[in-house]
Amino acid sequence: MTFSAWDRSTGERGEEDYYRILGVEDDASQEEIRAAYRDLVRQYHPDAGLVKGTAFLFRQIQQAYETLSDPQRRQEYDERLRREGKRPPRLFALDVLPGPAELACVDEPQLLYLLITLTPLANRPEPDTRLNLCLVIDCSTSMKGERLAAVREAILHLVEEMQSDDILSLVAFSDTAQVLLPPQHTPPSRVLRPLLASLTADGGTEIFQGLQAGLSLVGHTRSDHQINHLLLLTDGHTYGDAQKCLLAARSAARQDIGISAFGVGHDWNEDFLDHLTAAAGGQVVFIENPAGIGRAFLEHLRQLKEAWITDLTMRLYYTPAARFKAAFALTPELRMLEEIDGELALGSLQYTRPRHVLVESIVSPLEEGTHRVLQVEAASMAPAYGTPAVQRKVVRVPFRSQGVTRPLMPAAIVEAAQKVSLLRMQKLIEEEARQGRVPQATTLLEGLATRLMREGQDELAGVLIQEARLLAETGRLSPAGAKRLRFGTRALQPLLPGGTE
């Protein structure tokens, strides 16, 4: 995921954005503008030869600097941007902590961690944003009985907590889809009860049928001043339409429509739902028993209502001397982030707590001095304002000659990296078991259980010990154990400043 100043030189409609070209904030000081300009000249001057075909790009950099370094020209430029509505309010702060704080001048690439924190600004009022919510409910044969009854009650409780001006729609699906409730302001229970009573469980599971219908309903009433979201509940595998579902989720993300999924029981495909929700910046919720459906719905509703900004994405613009390795969300759950179309989808930022992301980068050897390594850009929609919100931060790292004592890694990054190592163990266990390498998977599973015991996670460690025995005997994890392993590991959030519950 390597981008240059060329990639960020224009806005959505193709106009040049001088702040983006230089990679600085709109309120950058003259010293910050000069420093950014010097960095870019070293990298993109045609005579430097670091990047080919940079003559036009260098002219853009030069033009941007000439405008922003002149107070009068900069003032006129800023006024034009404000008149054209291209400068949204500043709604969140973006901070980047590199680790280590310095790198050594050595002849081999080095690993650089970045702990990225996105914090809602405290001086903003609590948001009062409408929901545009669609529930897409699996009504295949396997949902018959207790599960469907629990869904009916859960929906009624959910509606009781929604505001009267929220928008709700409801789709039931099996191998076909049925719109039970078209989009409308939150209906009373007396209207919903007969609709829910008509729900019957029958047929197979074709998630695309329900997803397509639900996204169409959300899109019909979509607004930048709303939180537009789809909640999918299923208890089984979809048949033959997984790729169409993923394409639909990516299309939804481009419309700023989020998707979250609730998996009930142990027979649904966690890999598929992970990819589906990652594409649209949502999350997967594991519900082991039907009794937990109502609680899971209400908790997710609370998270949606507390969203300060939605559809949060991050882009990393690396210089030629650095490259992307991996990224992990640390809150509200621990998970690896997927890069889709050059972006990392983070979901929403709540007004009550920050979001934390750990990025791993590889930095090539550089001479002594302070060097620009990358720029971090976070962008999102702010439903309370109906406008996008964007923040940027340039990361510069000092390189010191050999013999200098290497600084210690910041404690917060050490804590985050340790939790990420547990997540990597979990993923490796799944892969080893999937490939039939049972002894390796068993040893790793036992090792993960031991580490969890040391951290006081006795309940999850006990589950993994049982699964290790089962794996050694049968050559596979149980469906229940596989989900407890994955979603139990995700709950192991690091203790970070300001942050996690």
Protein backbone atom coordinates (compact mmCIF):
# COMPACT_ATOMS: atom_id res chain seq x y z
CA MET A 1 0.00 0.00 0.00
CA THR A 2 2.46 2.59 -1.22
CA PHE A 3 1.21 5.94 -2.53
CA SER A 4 3.09 9.04 -3.63
CA ALA A 5 2.23 12.72 -3.58
CA TRP A 6 0.94 12.14 -7.13
CA ASP A 7 -1.85 9.92 -5.77
CA ARG A 8 -3.08 12.54 -3.33
CA SER A 9 -2.67 15.60 -5.54
CA THR A 10 -6.33 16.00 -6.48
CA GLY A 11 -9.61 16.01 -4.63
CA GLU A 12 -12.77 14.07 -5.43
CA ARG A 13 -13.56 16.22 -8.47
CA GLY A 14 -10.03 16.45 -9.78
CA GLU A 15 -9.03 19.91 -8.47
CA GLU A 16 -5.52 20.32 -7.17
CA ASP A 17 -5.32 20.37 -3.36
CA TYR A 18 -2.11 22.06 -2.29
CA TYR A 19 -2.33 20.83 1.29
CA ARG A 20 -2.70 17.27 0.11
CA ILE A 21 0.17 17.65 -2.34
CA LEU A 22 2.52 18.73 0.45
CA GLY A 23 0.95 16.32 2.93
CA VAL A 24 0.24 18.89 5.66
CA GLU A 25 -2.79 19.93 7.72
CA ASP A 26 -4.86 22.95 6.70
CA ASP A 27 -3.56 24.83 9.77
CA ALA A 28 0.10 23.89 9.21
CA SER A 29 2.70 26.45 10.27
CA GLN A 30 5.13 27.99 7.81
CA GLU A 31 7.91 25.86 9.29
CA GLU A 32 5.84 22.68 8.76
CA ILE A 33 5.16 23.72 5.17
CA ARG A 34 8.87 24.37 4.53
CA ALA A 35 9.83 21.03 6.12
CA ALA A 36 7.27 19.15 4.00
CA TYR A 37 8.50 20.90 0.86
CA ARG A 38 12.14 20.03 1.60
CA ASP A 39 11.18 16.37 2.16
CA LEU A 40 9.35 16.16 -1.16
CA VAL A 41 12.09 17.94 -3.10
CA ARG A 42 14.64 15.40 -1.88
CA GLN A 43 12.42 12.53 -3.03
CA TYR A 44 10.75 13.83 -6.21
CA HIS A 45 13.13 16.33 -7.80
CA PRO A 46 13.76 14.95 -11.33
CA ASP A 47 17.52 15.17 -10.77
CA ALA A 48 17.30 13.00 -7.62
CA GLY A 49 16.40 9.94 -9.68
CA LEU A 50 14.60 8.18 -6.81
CA VAL A 51 11.28 8.01 -8.64
CA LYS A 52 10.89 8.01 -12.43
CA GLY A 53 8.55 10.34 -14.32
CA THR A 54 8.32 13.02 -11.62
CA ALA A 55 8.68 16.22 -13.68
CA PHE A 56 4.95 17.03 -13.69
CA LEU A 57 4.60 16.00 -10.05
CA PHE A 58 7.52 18.19 -9.07
CA ARG A 59 5.87 21.17 -10.77
CA GLN A 60 2.75 20.51 -8.66
CA ILE A 61 4.86 20.41 -5.50
CA GLN A 62 6.56 23.66 -6.50
CA GLN A 63 3.24 25.38 -7.23
CA ALA A 64 1.75 24.21 -3.94
CA TYR A 65 4.72 25.51 -2.00
CA GLU A 66 4.74 28.87 -3.75
CA THR A 67 1.07 29.34 -2.86
CA LEU A 68 1.13 28.15 0.76
CA SER A 69 4.44 29.77 1.70
CA ASP A 70 3.14 33.22 0.69
CA PRO A 71 0.74 34.46 3.45
CA GLN A 72 -1.35 36.59 1.08
CA ARG A 73 -1.68 33.89 -1.60
CA ARG A 74 -2.42 31.27 1.06
CA GLN A 75 -5.19 33.42 2.57
CA GLU A 76 -6.82 33.88 -0.84
CA TYR A 77 -6.50 30.13 -1.53
CA ASP A 78 -8.07 29.23 1.85
CA GLU A 79 -10.95 31.63 1.32
CA ARG A 80 -11.68 30.07 -2.06
CA LEU A 81 -11.71 26.58 -0.54
CA ARG A 82 -14.14 27.69 2.18
CA ARG A 83 -16.45 29.37 -0.36
CA GLU A 84 -16.53 26.16 -2.39
CA GLY A 85 -17.27 24.05 0.71
CA LYS A 86 -14.08 21.99 0.42
CA ARG A 87 -12.86 22.44 4.00
CA PRO A 88 -14.90 20.38 6.51
CA PRO A 89 -14.85 21.09 10.26
CA ARG A 90 -12.13 19.42 12.33
CA LEU A 91 -13.98 16.68 14.21
CA PHE A 92 -11.25 14.32 15.40
CA ALA A 93 -7.57 14.33 16.20
CA LEU A 94 -5.01 12.04 14.54
CA ASP A 95 -1.86 11.13 16.49
CA VAL A 96 0.94 8.79 15.43
CA LEU A 97 3.48 7.30 17.83
CA PRO A 98 6.43 5.64 16.04
CA GLY A 99 8.39 2.86 17.67
CA PRO A 100 11.26 2.91 18.05
CA ALA A 101 11.60 6.69 18.11
CA GLU A 102 14.88 6.41 16.18
CA LEU A 103 16.31 3.93 13.67
CA ALA A 104 19.93 2.96 13.25
CA CYS A 105 21.96 3.59 10.09
CA VAL A 106 22.43 -0.05 9.09
CA ASP A 107 22.66 -1.89 5.77
CA GLU A 108 19.39 -3.81 6.11
CA PRO A 109 15.66 -2.96 6.27
CA GLN A 110 14.16 -2.32 9.70
CA LEU A 111 10.71 -2.78 11.21
CA LEU A 112 8.93 0.40 12.28
CA TYR A 113 5.73 0.28 14.33
CA LEU A 114 3.17 3.06 14.23
CA LEU A 115 0.55 3.31 16.98
CA ILE A 116 -2.18 5.46 15.40
CA THR A 117 -4.84 7.01 17.63
CA LEU A 118 -8.00 8.71 16.38
CA THR A 119 -9.72 10.74 19.10
CA PRO A 120 -13.08 12.56 18.85
CA LEU A 121 -12.62 16.21 19.80
CA ALA A 122 -13.91 16.82 23.31
CA ASN A 123 -15.37 20.26 22.58
CA ARG A 124 -17.97 18.87 20.22
CA PRO A 125 -21.53 18.19 21.45
CA GLU A 126 -22.89 14.69 21.78
CA PRO A 127 -24.25 13.69 18.37
CA ASP A 128 -27.94 13.34 17.74
CA THR A 129 -27.92 11.44 14.49
CA ARG A 130 -30.70 9.50 12.81
CA LEU A 131 -30.31 5.85 11.99
CA ASN A 132 -31.18 4.38 8.61
CA LEU A 133 -31.13 0.72 9.62
CA CYS A 134 -32.08 -2.44 7.78
CA LEU A 135 -32.31 -5.84 9.51
CA VAL A 136 -31.68 -8.78 7.18
CA ILE A 137 -32.76 -11.98 8.91
CA ASP A 138 -31.93 -15.57 7.91
CA CYS A 139 -35.16 -17.58 7.90
CA SER A 140 -33.79 -20.83 6.47
CA THR A 141 -34.87 -24.18 7.91
CA SER A 142 -32.08 -24.24 10.51
CA MET A 143 -33.54 -21.11 12.19
CA LYS A 144 -36.72 -22.94 13.07
CA GLY A 145 -37.90 -22.96 16.68
CA GLU A 146 -35.94 -21.29 19.48
CA ARG A 147 -33.69 -19.23 17.20
CA LEU A 148 -36.48 -17.58 15.24
CA ALA A 149 -38.48 -16.96 18.41
CA ALA A 150 -35.47 -15.24 19.95
CA VAL A 151 -35.05 -13.10 16.82
CA ARG A 152 -38.67 -11.91 17.02
CA GLU A 153 -38.24 -10.78 20.63
CA ALA A 154 -34.85 -9.24 19.92
CA ILE A 155 -36.26 -7.09 17.10
CA LEU A 156 -39.08 -5.84 19.32
CA HIS A 157 -36.63 -4.85 22.06
CA LEU A 158 -34.37 -3.20 19.48
CA VAL A 159 -37.22 -1.08 18.11
CA GLU A 160 -38.14 0.07 21.63
CA GLU A 161 -34.66 1.62 21.93
CA MET A 162 -34.76 3.39 18.55
CA GLN A 163 -35.84 7.02 18.17
CA SER A 164 -39.13 7.86 16.50
CA ASP A 165 -37.37 9.62 13.60
CA ASP A 166 -34.98 6.74 12.92
CA ILE A 167 -35.66 4.76 9.74
CA LEU A 168 -36.13 0.99 9.90
CA SER A 169 -36.61 -1.66 7.24
CA LEU A 170 -36.78 -5.44 7.55
CA VAL A 171 -35.91 -8.25 5.12
CA ALA A 172 -36.33 -12.00 5.62
CA PHE A 173 -34.44 -14.42 3.40
CA SER A 174 -33.76 -18.09 2.79
CA ASP A 175 -33.28 -19.04 -0.86
CA THR A 176 -35.46 -16.03 -1.75
CA ALA A 177 -35.86 -12.63 -0.08
CA GLN A 178 -39.01 -10.95 1.22
CA VAL A 179 -39.32 -7.30 2.26
CA LEU A 180 -41.38 -7.48 5.43
CA LEU A 181 -41.09 -3.79 6.24
CA PRO A 182 -40.13 -1.13 3.68
CA PRO A 183 -38.15 1.85 5.01
CA GLN A 184 -40.19 3.99 7.37
CA HIS A 185 -39.89 5.85 10.64
CA THR A 186 -39.65 3.48 13.57
CA PRO A 187 -42.98 1.65 13.72
CA PRO A 188 -44.73 0.84 17.02
CA SER A 189 -44.71 -2.70 18.40
CA ARG A 190 -48.37 -3.21 17.47
CA VAL A 191 -47.40 -2.83 13.79
CA LEU A 192 -44.33 -5.03 14.03
CA ARG A 193 -45.77 -7.94 16.01
CA PRO A 194 -48.01 -9.33 13.24
CA LEU A 195 -45.21 -8.95 10.70
CA LEU A 196 -42.79 -10.84 12.92
CA ALA A 197 -45.41 -13.48 13.70
CA SER A 198 -45.60 -14.20 9.96
CA LEU A 199 -41.91 -15.19 9.89
CA THR A 200 -41.46 -18.88 9.16
CA ALA A 201 -38.27 -20.88 8.75
CA ASP A 202 -37.99 -22.81 5.51
CA GLY A 203 -35.61 -23.32 2.59
CA GLY A 204 -31.85 -22.97 2.12
CA THR A 205 -29.43 -20.12 2.86
CA GLU A 206 -28.61 -17.70 0.05
CA ILE A 207 -27.30 -14.59 1.75
CA PHE A 208 -26.97 -12.59 -1.46
CA GLN A 209 -30.75 -12.60 -1.85
CA GLY A 210 -31.25 -10.90 1.51
CA LEU A 211 -28.17 -8.70 1.25
CA GLN A 212 -29.15 -7.33 -2.15
CA ALA A 213 -32.68 -6.54 -1.00
CA GLY A 214 -31.48 -4.94 2.24
CA LEU A 215 -28.82 -2.76 0.60
CA SER A 216 -31.37 -1.57 -1.94
CA LEU A 217 -33.67 -0.43 0.89
CA VAL A 218 -30.89 1.36 2.78
CA GLY A 219 -29.67 2.97 -0.43
CA HIS A 220 -33.16 4.22 -1.26
CA THR A 221 -33.31 6.32 1.94
CA ARG A 222 -29.56 6.94 2.29
CA SER A 223 -28.41 10.38 3.45
CA ASP A 224 -25.09 11.91 4.51
CA HIS A 225 -26.89 13.14 7.64
CA GLN A 226 -27.75 9.59 8.77
CA ILE A 227 -25.92 6.49 9.89
CA ASN A 228 -26.71 4.09 7.07
CA HIS A 229 -26.20 0.51 8.19
CA LEU A 230 -27.31 -3.05 7.51
CA LEU A 231 -27.42 -5.78 10.18
CA LEU A 232 -27.26 -9.33 8.85
CA LEU A 233 -28.14 -12.29 11.07
CA THR A 234 -27.47 -15.85 9.92
CA ASP A 235 -26.80 -19.29 11.35
CA GLY A 236 -25.49 -21.09 8.26
CA HIS A 237 -23.28 -21.12 5.19
CA THR A 238 -24.36 -19.33 2.04
CA TYR A 239 -24.47 -21.44 -1.11
CA GLY A 240 -22.86 -20.41 -4.38
CA ASP A 241 -23.13 -16.64 -4.00
CA ALA A 242 -20.22 -15.65 -1.74
CA GLN A 243 -18.41 -13.65 -4.41
CA LYS A 244 -21.55 -11.72 -5.33
CA CYS A 245 -22.01 -10.88 -1.64
CA LEU A 246 -18.46 -9.50 -1.38
CA LEU A 247 -18.92 -7.37 -4.49
CA ALA A 248 -22.18 -6.01 -3.06
CA ALA A 249 -20.43 -5.16 0.23
CA ARG A 250 -17.70 -3.23 -1.60
CA SER A 251 -20.34 -1.35 -3.55
CA ALA A 252 -22.09 -0.52 -0.26
CA ALA A 253 -18.83 0.82 1.19
CA ARG A 254 -18.52 3.23 -1.74
CA GLN A 255 -21.97 4.57 -0.78
CA ASP A 256 -20.94 4.88 2.90
CA ILE A 257 -23.26 2.05 3.93
CA GLY A 258 -21.88 -0.14 6.71
CA ILE A 259 -22.54 -3.87 7.17
CA SER A 260 -22.33 -5.82 10.41
CA ALA A 261 -23.06 -9.52 10.79
CA PHE A 262 -24.32 -11.68 13.65
CA GLY A 263 -23.49 -15.38 13.52
CA VAL A 264 -25.76 -17.59 15.65
CA GLY A 265 -24.57 -21.01 16.80
CA HIS A 266 -21.53 -22.76 15.35
CA ASP A 267 -22.38 -23.70 11.76
CA TRP A 268 -21.83 -20.41 9.92
CA ASN A 269 -18.73 -19.45 7.93
CA GLU A 270 -16.61 -17.05 9.97
CA ASP A 271 -14.13 -16.47 7.11
CA PHE A 272 -16.90 -15.37 4.75
CA LEU A 273 -18.55 -13.02 7.25
CA ASP A 274 -15.17 -11.54 8.16
CA HIS A 275 -14.47 -10.65 4.52
CA LEU A 276 -18.02 -9.39 4.01
CA THR A 277 -17.98 -6.99 6.95
CA ALA A 278 -14.37 -5.91 6.42
CA ALA A 279 -15.31 -4.67 2.95
CA ALA A 280 -17.93 -2.34 4.46
CA GLY A 281 -16.16 -1.35 7.67
CA GLY A 282 -18.37 -3.42 9.99
CA GLN A 283 -17.74 -6.25 12.40
CA VAL A 284 -18.82 -9.82 13.10
CA VAL A 285 -20.55 -10.71 16.37
CA PHE A 286 -20.46 -14.32 17.57
CA ILE A 287 -23.70 -15.32 19.35
CA GLU A 288 -23.31 -18.79 20.79
CA ASN A 289 -26.88 -19.25 22.08
CA PRO A 290 -30.21 -17.80 20.88
CA ALA A 291 -30.67 -16.15 24.29
CA GLY A 292 -27.82 -13.78 23.41
CA ILE A 293 -29.40 -12.37 20.24
CA GLY A 294 -31.32 -9.60 22.01
CA ARG A 295 -28.29 -8.46 24.03
CA ALA A 296 -26.09 -8.44 20.91
CA PHE A 297 -28.62 -6.35 18.96
CA LEU A 298 -28.95 -3.77 21.73
CA GLU A 299 -25.18 -3.46 22.21
CA HIS A 300 -24.68 -2.90 18.50
CA LEU A 301 -27.48 -0.35 18.41
CA ARG A 302 -25.73 1.55 21.20
CA GLN A 303 -22.49 1.56 19.22
CA LEU A 304 -24.25 2.88 16.13
CA LYS A 305 -26.03 5.64 18.04
CA GLU A 306 -22.74 6.73 19.60
CA ALA A 307 -21.02 7.03 16.23
CA TRP A 308 -19.47 10.49 15.96
CA ILE A 309 -18.23 9.86 12.45
CA THR A 310 -18.87 6.84 10.24
CA ASP A 311 -17.17 4.88 7.47
CA LEU A 312 -13.72 5.75 8.79
CA THR A 313 -10.94 4.82 6.37
CA MET A 314 -7.19 5.17 6.45
CA ARG A 315 -4.61 5.52 3.70
CA LEU A 316 -0.84 5.31 4.12
CA TYR A 317 1.28 7.29 1.68
CA TYR A 318 4.80 5.88 1.82
CA THR A 319 7.96 7.43 0.47
CA PRO A 320 10.12 5.28 -1.84
CA ALA A 321 12.24 4.28 1.18
CA ALA A 322 9.42 2.53 3.06
CA ARG A 323 6.61 0.08 2.47
CA PHE A 324 3.55 -1.35 4.19
CA LYS A 325 3.72 -4.72 5.95
CA ALA A 326 0.52 -5.18 8.01
CA ALA A 327 -2.10 -3.29 10.03
CA PHE A 328 -4.26 -4.27 13.00
CA ALA A 329 -7.27 -2.69 14.65
CA LEU A 330 -6.70 -2.71 18.42
CA THR A 331 -10.11 -1.32 19.40
CA PRO A 332 -13.04 -1.96 19.65
CA GLU A 333 -11.77 -5.45 18.85
CA LEU A 334 -8.40 -6.95 17.95
CA ARG A 335 -8.31 -7.92 14.26
CA MET A 336 -6.13 -7.80 11.19
CA LEU A 337 -7.18 -5.10 8.73
CA GLU A 338 -7.65 -5.91 5.07
CA GLU A 339 -6.41 -3.47 2.45
CA ILE A 340 -9.18 -2.97 -0.11
CA ASP A 341 -8.63 -0.59 -3.05
CA GLY A 342 -5.73 1.01 -1.18
CA GLU A 343 -7.76 1.71 1.97
CA LEU A 344 -8.06 0.27 5.45
CA ALA A 345 -11.72 0.28 6.53
CA LEU A 346 -12.06 1.02 10.27
CA GLY A 347 -15.82 1.43 10.70
CA SER A 348 -17.08 4.21 12.97
CA LEU A 349 -15.51 6.45 15.58
CA GLN A 350 -17.67 6.85 18.68
CA TYR A 351 -17.86 10.15 20.50
CA THR A 352 -17.03 8.47 23.84
CA ARG A 353 -13.74 6.70 23.05
CA PRO A 354 -10.79 6.77 20.66
CA ARG A 355 -9.78 4.17 18.09
CA HIS A 356 -6.31 2.61 17.99
CA VAL A 357 -4.52 0.99 15.04
CA LEU A 358 -1.09 -0.65 14.95
CA VAL A 359 0.75 -0.47 11.61
CA GLU A 360 3.91 -2.39 10.76
CA SER A 361 6.17 -0.80 8.14
CA ILE A 362 9.48 -1.83 6.58
CA VAL A 363 12.01 0.99 6.21
CA SER A 364 15.01 0.69 3.88
CA PRO A 365 18.51 1.87 4.88
CA LEU A 366 18.88 5.65 4.97
CA GLU A 367 21.72 8.01 5.76
CA GLU A 368 22.01 9.82 9.06
CA GLY A 369 19.44 12.56 9.64
CA THR A 370 15.67 12.91 9.99
CA HIS A 371 13.70 11.47 7.10
CA ARG A 372 10.06 11.58 6.10
CA VAL A 373 8.79 7.98 5.99
CA LEU A 374 5.08 8.26 5.26
CA GLN A 375 1.93 10.28 5.65
CA VAL A 376 -1.14 8.90 7.44
CA GLU A 377 -4.52 10.13 6.20
CA ALA A 378 -7.81 9.33 7.95
CA ALA A 379 -11.10 10.25 6.31
CA SER A 380 -14.74 9.70 7.13
CA MET A 381 -18.28 11.07 7.02
CA ALA A 382 -19.72 13.11 9.89
CA PRO A 383 -23.49 12.47 9.87
CA ALA A 384 -24.18 15.29 12.35
CA TYR A 385 -22.77 17.72 9.75
CA GLY A 386 -23.41 15.79 6.54
CA THR A 387 -19.82 16.42 5.56
CA PRO A 388 -16.55 14.51 5.26
CA ALA A 389 -13.87 14.79 7.93
CA VAL A 390 -10.18 14.42 7.04
CA GLN A 391 -6.98 14.52 9.09
CA ARG A 392 -3.37 13.94 8.01
CA LYS A 393 -0.10 13.40 9.82
CA VAL A 394 3.41 13.23 8.40
CA VAL A 395 5.74 10.73 10.08
CA ARG A 396 9.43 11.62 10.21
CA VAL A 397 11.98 9.34 11.84
CA PRO A 398 15.57 10.19 12.88
CA PHE A 399 18.32 7.86 11.65
CA ARG A 400 21.43 7.70 13.85
CA SER A 401 24.82 6.24 13.03
CA GLN A 402 25.95 2.94 14.54
CA GLY A 403 27.19 3.05 18.09
CA VAL A 404 24.27 5.16 19.30
CA THR A 405 22.18 3.40 21.94
CA ARG A 406 18.92 2.35 20.37
CA PRO A 407 15.93 3.86 22.25
CA LEU A 408 13.49 1.61 24.01
CA MET A 409 10.19 0.78 22.32
CA PRO A 410 7.28 2.82 23.80
CA ALA A 411 5.37 0.74 26.37
CA ALA A 412 2.05 1.19 24.55
CA ILE A 413 3.53 -0.27 21.36
CA VAL A 414 5.05 -3.20 23.27
CA GLU A 415 1.64 -3.94 24.80
CA ALA A 416 -0.09 -3.69 21.41
CA ALA A 417 2.53 -5.85 19.66
CA GLN A 418 2.17 -8.56 22.29
CA LYS A 419 -1.58 -8.75 21.71
CA VAL A 420 -1.05 -8.79 17.94
CA SER A 421 1.32 -11.75 18.39
CA LEU A 422 -1.55 -13.67 20.04
CA LEU A 423 -3.78 -12.86 17.09
CA ARG A 424 -1.09 -14.11 14.71
CA MET A 425 -0.81 -17.34 16.69
CA GLN A 426 -4.57 -17.82 16.38
CA LYS A 427 -4.45 -17.32 12.61
CA LEU A 428 -1.47 -19.68 12.28
CA ILE A 429 -3.29 -22.36 14.30
CA GLU A 430 -6.27 -22.12 11.97
CA GLU A 431 -4.05 -22.37 8.90
CA GLU A 432 -2.00 -25.31 10.21
CA ALA A 433 -5.19 -27.20 11.12
CA ARG A 434 -6.72 -26.39 7.72
CA GLN A 435 -3.63 -27.75 5.96
CA GLY A 436 -3.73 -30.97 8.02
CA ARG A 437 -0.52 -30.23 9.96
CA VAL A 438 -2.02 -31.49 13.20
CA PRO A 439 1.12 -31.78 15.41
CA GLN A 440 2.17 -28.21 14.58
CA ALA A 441 -1.34 -26.85 15.15
CA THR A 442 -1.66 -28.73 18.44
CA THR A 443 1.66 -27.43 19.75
CA LEU A 444 0.75 -23.87 18.82
CA LEU A 445 -2.68 -24.21 20.43
CA GLU A 446 -1.12 -25.45 23.68
CA GLY A 447 1.38 -22.58 23.56
CA LEU A 448 -1.40 -20.03 23.08
CA ALA A 449 -3.32 -21.52 26.02
CA THR A 450 -0.22 -21.20 28.22
CA ARG A 451 0.24 -17.54 27.28
CA LEU A 452 -3.42 -16.82 27.98
CA MET A 453 -3.13 -18.38 31.43
CA ARG A 454 -0.22 -16.06 32.20
CA GLU A 455 -2.45 -13.12 31.27
CA GLY A 456 -5.27 -14.33 33.52
CA GLN A 457 -7.51 -15.49 30.65
CA ASP A 458 -8.24 -18.81 32.35
CA GLU A 459 -11.66 -19.46 30.77
CA LEU A 460 -10.45 -19.06 27.20
CA ALA A 461 -7.24 -20.98 28.00
CA GLY A 462 -9.36 -23.89 29.31
CA VAL A 463 -11.35 -23.96 26.07
CA LEU A 464 -8.16 -24.07 24.02
CA ILE A 465 -6.68 -26.90 26.09
CA GLN A 466 -9.78 -28.98 25.40
CA GLU A 467 -9.56 -28.10 21.71
CA ALA A 468 -5.88 -29.12 21.63
CA ARG A 469 -6.82 -32.57 22.93
CA LEU A 470 -9.64 -32.88 20.40
CA LEU A 471 -7.35 -31.72 17.60
CA ALA A 472 -4.71 -34.31 18.50
CA GLU A 473 -7.34 -37.08 18.58
CA THR A 474 -9.48 -36.19 15.56
CA GLY A 475 -7.27 -33.95 13.41
CA ARG A 476 -9.67 -31.02 13.50
CA LEU A 477 -11.07 -28.28 15.69
CA SER A 478 -14.72 -28.45 16.67
CA PRO A 479 -16.97 -25.80 15.03
CA ALA A 480 -17.64 -24.31 18.46
CA GLY A 481 -13.97 -24.36 19.43
CA ALA A 482 -12.88 -22.71 16.18
CA LYS A 483 -15.22 -19.78 16.80
CA ARG A 484 -14.27 -19.45 20.47
CA LEU A 485 -10.61 -19.41 19.44
CA ARG A 486 -11.10 -16.66 16.85
CA PHE A 487 -13.54 -14.41 18.68
CA GLY A 488 -12.02 -15.00 22.10
CA THR A 489 -8.66 -13.83 20.77
CA ARG A 490 -10.24 -10.71 19.29
CA ALA A 491 -11.47 -9.69 22.73
CA LEU A 492 -7.86 -9.51 24.02
CA GLN A 493 -7.49 -5.76 23.59
CA PRO A 494 -4.33 -4.04 24.84
CA LEU A 495 -4.50 -1.48 27.61
CA LEU A 496 -3.96 1.82 25.82
CA PRO A 497 -4.19 5.45 26.97
CA GLY A 498 -7.75 6.82 26.89
CA GLY A 499 -9.16 3.96 25.41
CA THR A 500 -10.53 0.64 25.81
CA GLU A 501 -13.23 -0.57 28.09
